[in-house]
Amino acid sequence: MKNQTFNDGVVNIYSIGNIAEPGNKPKDGLTLKVGQLRYKKRTVGMGRFWIAMQALAKIDMVIRVPLLPNISSQDVAIPIDGEQYKIVQVQQPEDVSPPVLDLSLQRLETKHGIK
């Protein structure tokens, strides 16, 4: 079993939803779900890259984070580069200690507001 470290940076995970004040017109934006989560950068492998391209997606980054049950492909990640990334895929490798998630990320062209 491989022992995993998380030394490459910190990422915040956000959910997308209505961030408008009560009574105002609804406005989609980001609400913090998990803050200050350490990660390890992973290589975007050729297989993952070409499969994403066939699905008309582009994987810009893959990061490995400690296992948390509430991270999903409906969320947005903002790592230390400050860019916003859609979580395209969440995978849980079995041969790693402590338990982890691999998050495949696609850079967002249009940025969301943050609450």
Protein backbone atom coordinates (compact mmCIF):
# COMPACT_ATOMS: atom_id res chain seq x y z
CA MET A 1 0.00 0.00 0.00
CA LYS A 2 1.33 3.42 -0.99
CA ASN A 3 1.59 6.13 1.72
CA GLN A 4 0.31 9.48 0.37
CA THR A 5 1.51 12.99 1.24
CA PHE A 6 -0.30 16.25 0.40
CA ASN A 7 2.51 18.79 0.00
CA ASP A 8 1.67 20.68 -3.20
CA GLY A 9 -0.85 23.22 -1.93
CA VAL A 10 -4.24 23.98 -0.49
CA VAL A 11 -7.59 23.88 -2.30
CA ASN A 12 -11.03 25.17 -1.36
CA ILE A 13 -14.10 23.26 -2.57
CA TYR A 14 -17.32 25.19 -3.28
CA SER A 15 -20.90 24.23 -4.09
CA ILE A 16 -22.78 26.15 -6.79
CA GLY A 17 -26.10 27.69 -5.80
CA ASN A 18 -28.07 30.86 -5.22
CA ILE A 19 -25.95 33.48 -3.40
CA ALA A 20 -28.44 36.38 -3.70
CA GLU A 21 -29.67 38.08 -0.54
CA PRO A 22 -33.24 37.04 0.46
CA GLY A 23 -35.78 38.96 -1.62
CA ASN A 24 -33.33 39.71 -4.45
CA LYS A 25 -33.21 38.13 -7.90
CA PRO A 26 -31.56 34.67 -7.72
CA LYS A 27 -27.89 34.68 -8.69
CA ASP A 28 -25.68 31.59 -9.11
CA GLY A 29 -22.42 31.67 -7.21
CA LEU A 30 -20.07 29.71 -4.99
CA THR A 31 -20.52 28.85 -1.33
CA LEU A 32 -17.60 27.35 0.59
CA LYS A 33 -18.09 23.63 1.24
CA VAL A 34 -14.59 22.51 2.36
CA GLY A 35 -11.81 25.00 3.10
CA GLN A 36 -8.04 24.66 3.35
CA LEU A 37 -7.85 21.07 2.04
CA ARG A 38 -4.25 20.02 1.31
CA TYR A 39 -3.54 18.31 -2.02
CA LYS A 40 -0.93 16.50 -4.12
CA LYS A 41 -0.71 17.27 -7.85
CA ARG A 42 -1.08 14.25 -10.13
CA THR A 43 -0.09 13.74 -13.75
CA VAL A 44 -2.85 14.05 -16.34
CA GLY A 45 -2.18 10.72 -18.06
CA MET A 46 -2.61 10.20 -21.80
CA GLY A 47 -5.56 7.83 -21.31
CA ARG A 48 -7.43 10.29 -19.09
CA PHE A 49 -6.59 13.17 -21.47
CA TRP A 50 -7.88 11.44 -24.63
CA ILE A 51 -10.99 10.01 -22.97
CA ALA A 52 -11.86 13.52 -21.77
CA MET A 53 -11.29 14.92 -25.27
CA GLN A 54 -13.70 12.33 -26.73
CA ALA A 55 -16.31 13.54 -24.22
CA LEU A 56 -15.67 17.15 -25.35
CA ALA A 57 -14.02 17.97 -22.02
CA LYS A 58 -10.48 19.03 -21.23
CA ILE A 59 -8.74 17.94 -18.05
CA ASP A 60 -6.41 20.77 -17.00
CA MET A 61 -5.30 19.39 -13.63
CA VAL A 62 -5.64 16.32 -11.42
CA ILE A 63 -5.21 16.65 -7.67
CA ARG A 64 -5.31 14.07 -4.87
CA VAL A 65 -6.99 15.07 -1.60
CA PRO A 66 -7.83 13.23 1.63
CA LEU A 67 -11.10 11.27 1.39
CA LEU A 68 -14.20 13.33 2.18
CA PRO A 69 -17.68 11.97 1.48
CA ASN A 70 -19.32 15.22 0.33
CA ILE A 71 -17.10 16.20 -2.64
CA SER A 72 -18.85 15.65 -5.98
CA SER A 73 -18.67 16.43 -9.69
CA GLN A 74 -21.24 19.18 -9.05
CA ASP A 75 -18.61 21.24 -7.15
CA VAL A 76 -15.95 23.82 -8.05
CA ALA A 77 -12.34 23.73 -6.81
CA ILE A 78 -10.06 26.74 -6.34
CA PRO A 79 -6.44 25.67 -5.70
CA ILE A 80 -3.52 27.96 -4.87
CA ASP A 81 -3.33 29.30 -8.46
CA GLY A 82 -6.62 31.14 -7.78
CA GLU A 83 -8.32 29.75 -10.90
CA GLN A 84 -11.77 28.17 -10.74
CA TYR A 85 -12.06 24.55 -11.89
CA LYS A 86 -15.14 22.40 -12.43
CA ILE A 87 -14.70 18.98 -10.83
CA VAL A 88 -15.26 16.72 -13.83
CA GLN A 89 -14.60 13.39 -12.13
CA VAL A 90 -14.11 12.07 -8.60
CA GLN A 91 -12.27 8.75 -8.18
CA GLN A 92 -11.32 6.83 -5.04
CA PRO A 93 -8.12 4.79 -5.59
CA GLU A 94 -7.99 1.71 -3.36
CA ASP A 95 -4.24 1.17 -2.93
CA VAL A 96 -3.42 4.39 -1.04
CA SER A 97 -3.15 5.18 2.67
CA PRO A 98 -4.74 7.29 4.08
CA PRO A 99 -7.89 6.96 1.89
CA VAL A 100 -7.93 9.61 -0.88
CA LEU A 101 -9.91 11.08 -3.76
CA ASP A 102 -8.48 11.97 -7.17
CA LEU A 103 -10.24 15.05 -8.61
CA SER A 104 -10.06 15.67 -12.37
CA LEU A 105 -10.41 19.42 -12.94
CA GLN A 106 -11.41 21.52 -15.96
CA ARG A 107 -10.66 25.27 -15.89
CA LEU A 108 -13.79 27.40 -16.04
CA GLU A 109 -13.89 30.09 -18.71
CA THR A 110 -16.62 32.05 -16.89
CA LYS A 111 -15.92 32.66 -13.21
CA HIS A 112 -18.58 32.41 -10.52
CA GLY A 113 -19.03 35.01 -7.78
CA ILE A 114 -18.12 33.82 -4.28
CA LYS A 115 -20.33 34.31 -1.24
